[in-house]
Amino acid sequence: MISYYCIVNMPGVPAREIQFLNACDDAGAVSALASVAAQWVGFDTICLYHGERFIKVVSNPGQGFPQNALPPSARPIILDKAA
């Protein structure tokens, strides 16, 4: 049986914590990430896997990570040409 699990990264800690989830599908595992984040106050990131397949990463906004991905800019980037 392939399990859903999370790898919890804490700031300044070289070892990672692994927590298994009681979930039967991807949607259930993603919703279980909220309880994992509540248990690990001060985490940097929590990476969700199903076996070896990566599913999602959750970043801690309290550590300076954005909550949502930044949207692509509608304005073109104008670079100054070097002389």
N, C-alpha and C. Protein backbone atom coordinates (compact mmCIF):
# COMPACT_ATOMS: atom_id res chain seq x y z
N MET A 1 0.83 -1.18 0.00
CA MET A 1 0.00 0.00 0.00
C MET A 1 0.88 1.25 0.00
N ILE A 2 0.59 2.17 -0.88
CA ILE A 2 1.33 3.42 -0.96
C ILE A 2 0.63 4.44 -0.06
N SER A 3 1.41 5.10 0.78
CA SER A 3 0.86 6.02 1.77
C SER A 3 1.08 7.47 1.37
N TYR A 4 0.22 8.33 1.90
CA TYR A 4 0.41 9.77 1.81
C TYR A 4 1.23 10.19 3.02
N TYR A 5 2.22 11.03 2.79
CA TYR A 5 3.02 11.52 3.90
C TYR A 5 3.53 12.92 3.61
N CYS A 6 3.95 13.61 4.67
CA CYS A 6 4.49 14.96 4.58
C CYS A 6 5.90 14.97 5.11
N ILE A 7 6.72 15.80 4.50
CA ILE A 7 8.04 16.09 5.04
C ILE A 7 7.99 17.53 5.54
N VAL A 8 8.21 17.71 6.84
CA VAL A 8 8.12 19.02 7.47
C VAL A 8 9.53 19.58 7.63
N ASN A 9 9.76 20.76 7.07
CA ASN A 9 11.03 21.45 7.17
C ASN A 9 10.91 22.57 8.18
N MET A 10 11.75 22.52 9.21
CA MET A 10 11.75 23.54 10.25
C MET A 10 12.98 24.43 10.07
N PRO A 11 12.88 25.71 10.38
CA PRO A 11 14.02 26.61 10.19
C PRO A 11 15.17 26.26 11.14
N GLY A 12 16.37 26.19 10.57
CA GLY A 12 17.56 25.94 11.36
C GLY A 12 17.74 24.52 11.85
N VAL A 13 16.91 23.60 11.40
CA VAL A 13 17.00 22.20 11.84
C VAL A 13 17.48 21.36 10.65
N PRO A 14 18.64 20.71 10.76
CA PRO A 14 19.14 19.95 9.61
C PRO A 14 18.35 18.69 9.32
N ALA A 15 17.69 18.10 10.33
CA ALA A 15 16.88 16.89 10.11
C ALA A 15 15.45 17.28 9.74
N ARG A 16 14.78 16.44 8.99
CA ARG A 16 13.40 16.68 8.58
C ARG A 16 12.49 15.74 9.34
N GLU A 17 11.28 16.16 9.56
CA GLU A 17 10.28 15.32 10.22
C GLU A 17 9.36 14.74 9.15
N ILE A 18 8.96 13.49 9.32
CA ILE A 18 8.04 12.84 8.39
C ILE A 18 6.78 12.49 9.16
N GLN A 19 5.63 12.86 8.57
CA GLN A 19 4.35 12.55 9.20
C GLN A 19 3.45 11.89 8.16
N PHE A 20 2.92 10.72 8.50
CA PHE A 20 2.02 10.01 7.61
C PHE A 20 0.60 10.51 7.81
N LEU A 21 -0.19 10.52 6.72
CA LEU A 21 -1.55 11.05 6.75
C LEU A 21 -2.55 9.91 6.55
N ASN A 22 -3.68 10.03 7.19
CA ASN A 22 -4.76 9.07 7.01
C ASN A 22 -5.67 9.63 5.90
N ALA A 23 -5.30 9.36 4.66
CA ALA A 23 -6.05 9.86 3.51
C ALA A 23 -6.12 8.78 2.45
N CYS A 24 -7.21 8.79 1.69
CA CYS A 24 -7.37 7.78 0.64
C CYS A 24 -7.26 8.35 -0.77
N ASP A 25 -7.19 9.70 -0.89
CA ASP A 25 -7.02 10.31 -2.20
C ASP A 25 -6.27 11.63 -2.04
N ASP A 26 -5.91 12.23 -3.19
CA ASP A 26 -5.14 13.48 -3.16
C ASP A 26 -5.90 14.61 -2.47
N ALA A 27 -7.19 14.71 -2.73
CA ALA A 27 -7.98 15.80 -2.13
C ALA A 27 -8.01 15.68 -0.61
N GLY A 28 -8.17 14.48 -0.10
CA GLY A 28 -8.16 14.28 1.34
C GLY A 28 -6.81 14.58 1.96
N ALA A 29 -5.75 14.22 1.25
CA ALA A 29 -4.40 14.50 1.75
C ALA A 29 -4.11 16.00 1.76
N VAL A 30 -4.55 16.70 0.73
CA VAL A 30 -4.34 18.15 0.68
C VAL A 30 -5.11 18.85 1.80
N SER A 31 -6.34 18.40 2.06
CA SER A 31 -7.10 19.01 3.15
C SER A 31 -6.51 18.70 4.51
N ALA A 32 -5.81 17.57 4.65
CA ALA A 32 -5.17 17.21 5.92
C ALA A 32 -3.93 18.05 6.20
N LEU A 33 -3.42 18.76 5.19
CA LEU A 33 -2.24 19.60 5.40
C LEU A 33 -2.49 20.72 6.41
N ALA A 34 -3.73 21.20 6.51
CA ALA A 34 -4.04 22.27 7.46
C ALA A 34 -3.80 21.81 8.89
N SER A 35 -4.17 20.58 9.21
CA SER A 35 -3.95 20.08 10.58
C SER A 35 -2.46 19.83 10.84
N VAL A 36 -1.74 19.42 9.81
CA VAL A 36 -0.30 19.22 9.97
C VAL A 36 0.38 20.56 10.23
N ALA A 37 -0.01 21.58 9.48
CA ALA A 37 0.57 22.92 9.66
C ALA A 37 0.25 23.46 11.05
N ALA A 38 -0.92 23.14 11.59
CA ALA A 38 -1.28 23.60 12.94
C ALA A 38 -0.44 22.91 14.01
N GLN A 39 -0.03 21.67 13.75
CA GLN A 39 0.80 20.93 14.72
C GLN A 39 2.24 21.43 14.74
N TRP A 40 2.74 21.87 13.59
CA TRP A 40 4.14 22.26 13.47
C TRP A 40 4.24 23.78 13.36
N VAL A 41 3.99 24.46 14.44
CA VAL A 41 4.05 25.93 14.47
C VAL A 41 5.49 26.36 14.16
N GLY A 42 5.64 27.31 13.25
CA GLY A 42 6.96 27.82 12.91
C GLY A 42 7.66 27.06 11.79
N PHE A 43 6.94 26.18 11.08
CA PHE A 43 7.55 25.42 9.99
C PHE A 43 7.93 26.34 8.84
N ASP A 44 8.90 25.93 8.03
CA ASP A 44 9.24 26.64 6.79
C ASP A 44 8.34 26.17 5.66
N THR A 45 8.45 24.88 5.35
CA THR A 45 7.63 24.28 4.29
C THR A 45 7.18 22.89 4.72
N ILE A 46 6.06 22.46 4.14
CA ILE A 46 5.58 21.10 4.31
C ILE A 46 5.33 20.55 2.90
N CYS A 47 6.02 19.46 2.57
CA CYS A 47 5.91 18.87 1.24
C CYS A 47 5.07 17.60 1.34
N LEU A 48 4.06 17.49 0.50
CA LEU A 48 3.15 16.35 0.50
C LEU A 48 3.51 15.41 -0.65
N TYR A 49 3.57 14.11 -0.32
CA TYR A 49 3.90 13.07 -1.29
C TYR A 49 2.92 11.91 -1.19
N HIS A 50 2.76 11.22 -2.29
CA HIS A 50 2.06 9.93 -2.33
C HIS A 50 3.06 8.94 -2.90
N GLY A 51 3.67 8.16 -2.02
CA GLY A 51 4.79 7.33 -2.46
C GLY A 51 5.95 8.24 -2.85
N GLU A 52 6.42 8.11 -4.07
CA GLU A 52 7.48 8.99 -4.56
C GLU A 52 6.94 10.17 -5.36
N ARG A 53 5.64 10.24 -5.54
CA ARG A 53 5.03 11.30 -6.36
C ARG A 53 4.79 12.55 -5.50
N PHE A 54 5.38 13.66 -5.94
CA PHE A 54 5.17 14.94 -5.27
C PHE A 54 3.78 15.47 -5.61
N ILE A 55 3.07 15.99 -4.59
CA ILE A 55 1.73 16.52 -4.81
C ILE A 55 1.67 18.02 -4.60
N LYS A 56 2.14 18.50 -3.45
CA LYS A 56 1.99 19.92 -3.14
C LYS A 56 2.99 20.32 -2.07
N VAL A 57 3.32 21.61 -2.05
CA VAL A 57 4.13 22.17 -0.98
C VAL A 57 3.37 23.33 -0.37
N VAL A 58 3.41 23.42 0.96
CA VAL A 58 2.78 24.51 1.69
C VAL A 58 3.89 25.30 2.36
N SER A 59 3.89 26.61 2.17
CA SER A 59 4.89 27.49 2.78
C SER A 59 4.26 28.28 3.90
N ASN A 60 5.05 28.61 4.90
CA ASN A 60 4.57 29.36 6.05
C ASN A 60 4.66 30.86 5.78
N PRO A 61 3.53 31.56 5.69
CA PRO A 61 3.59 32.99 5.44
C PRO A 61 4.21 33.75 6.61
N GLY A 62 4.18 33.18 7.81
CA GLY A 62 4.81 33.81 8.96
C GLY A 62 6.32 33.83 8.87
N GLN A 63 6.90 33.01 7.99
CA GLN A 63 8.34 32.98 7.78
C GLN A 63 8.74 33.81 6.56
N GLY A 64 7.80 34.55 6.00
CA GLY A 64 8.10 35.41 4.85
C GLY A 64 7.78 34.82 3.51
N PHE A 65 7.21 33.61 3.47
CA PHE A 65 6.84 33.00 2.19
C PHE A 65 5.47 33.53 1.76
N PRO A 66 5.24 33.76 0.46
CA PRO A 66 3.91 34.19 0.02
C PRO A 66 2.89 33.06 0.16
N GLN A 67 1.65 33.42 0.47
CA GLN A 67 0.61 32.40 0.60
C GLN A 67 0.21 31.82 -0.73
N ASN A 68 0.09 32.65 -1.73
CA ASN A 68 -0.30 32.21 -3.07
C ASN A 68 0.82 32.52 -4.04
N ALA A 69 0.86 31.77 -5.12
CA ALA A 69 1.85 32.03 -6.15
C ALA A 69 1.62 33.42 -6.74
N LEU A 70 2.70 34.10 -7.05
CA LEU A 70 2.57 35.43 -7.63
C LEU A 70 2.09 35.30 -9.08
N PRO A 71 1.13 36.12 -9.48
CA PRO A 71 0.64 36.04 -10.87
C PRO A 71 1.68 36.61 -11.82
N PRO A 72 1.68 36.15 -13.06
CA PRO A 72 2.62 36.73 -14.04
C PRO A 72 2.27 38.18 -14.31
N SER A 73 3.28 38.96 -14.52
CA SER A 73 3.09 40.39 -14.75
C SER A 73 2.51 40.62 -16.14
N ALA A 74 1.55 41.54 -16.22
CA ALA A 74 0.95 41.90 -17.51
C ALA A 74 1.83 42.90 -18.25
N ARG A 75 2.72 43.59 -17.50
CA ARG A 75 3.58 44.58 -18.12
C ARG A 75 4.87 43.91 -18.57
N PRO A 76 5.35 44.28 -19.75
CA PRO A 76 6.63 43.72 -20.18
C PRO A 76 7.77 44.27 -19.34
N ILE A 77 8.77 43.48 -19.14
CA ILE A 77 9.94 43.92 -18.40
C ILE A 77 10.86 44.67 -19.35
N ILE A 78 11.20 45.88 -18.99
CA ILE A 78 12.07 46.73 -19.81
C ILE A 78 13.43 46.78 -19.13
N LEU A 79 14.42 46.29 -19.82
CA LEU A 79 15.77 46.27 -19.27
C LEU A 79 16.58 47.40 -19.89
N ASP A 80 17.38 48.06 -19.09
CA ASP A 80 18.28 49.08 -19.61
C ASP A 80 19.41 48.38 -20.33
N LYS A 81 19.77 48.94 -21.49
CA LYS A 81 20.89 48.38 -22.25
C LYS A 81 22.18 48.96 -21.70
N ALA A 82 23.13 48.08 -21.52
CA ALA A 82 24.44 48.54 -21.04
C ALA A 82 25.13 49.32 -22.15
N ALA A 83 25.86 50.36 -21.76
CA ALA A 83 26.54 51.21 -22.75
C ALA A 83 27.79 50.53 -23.26
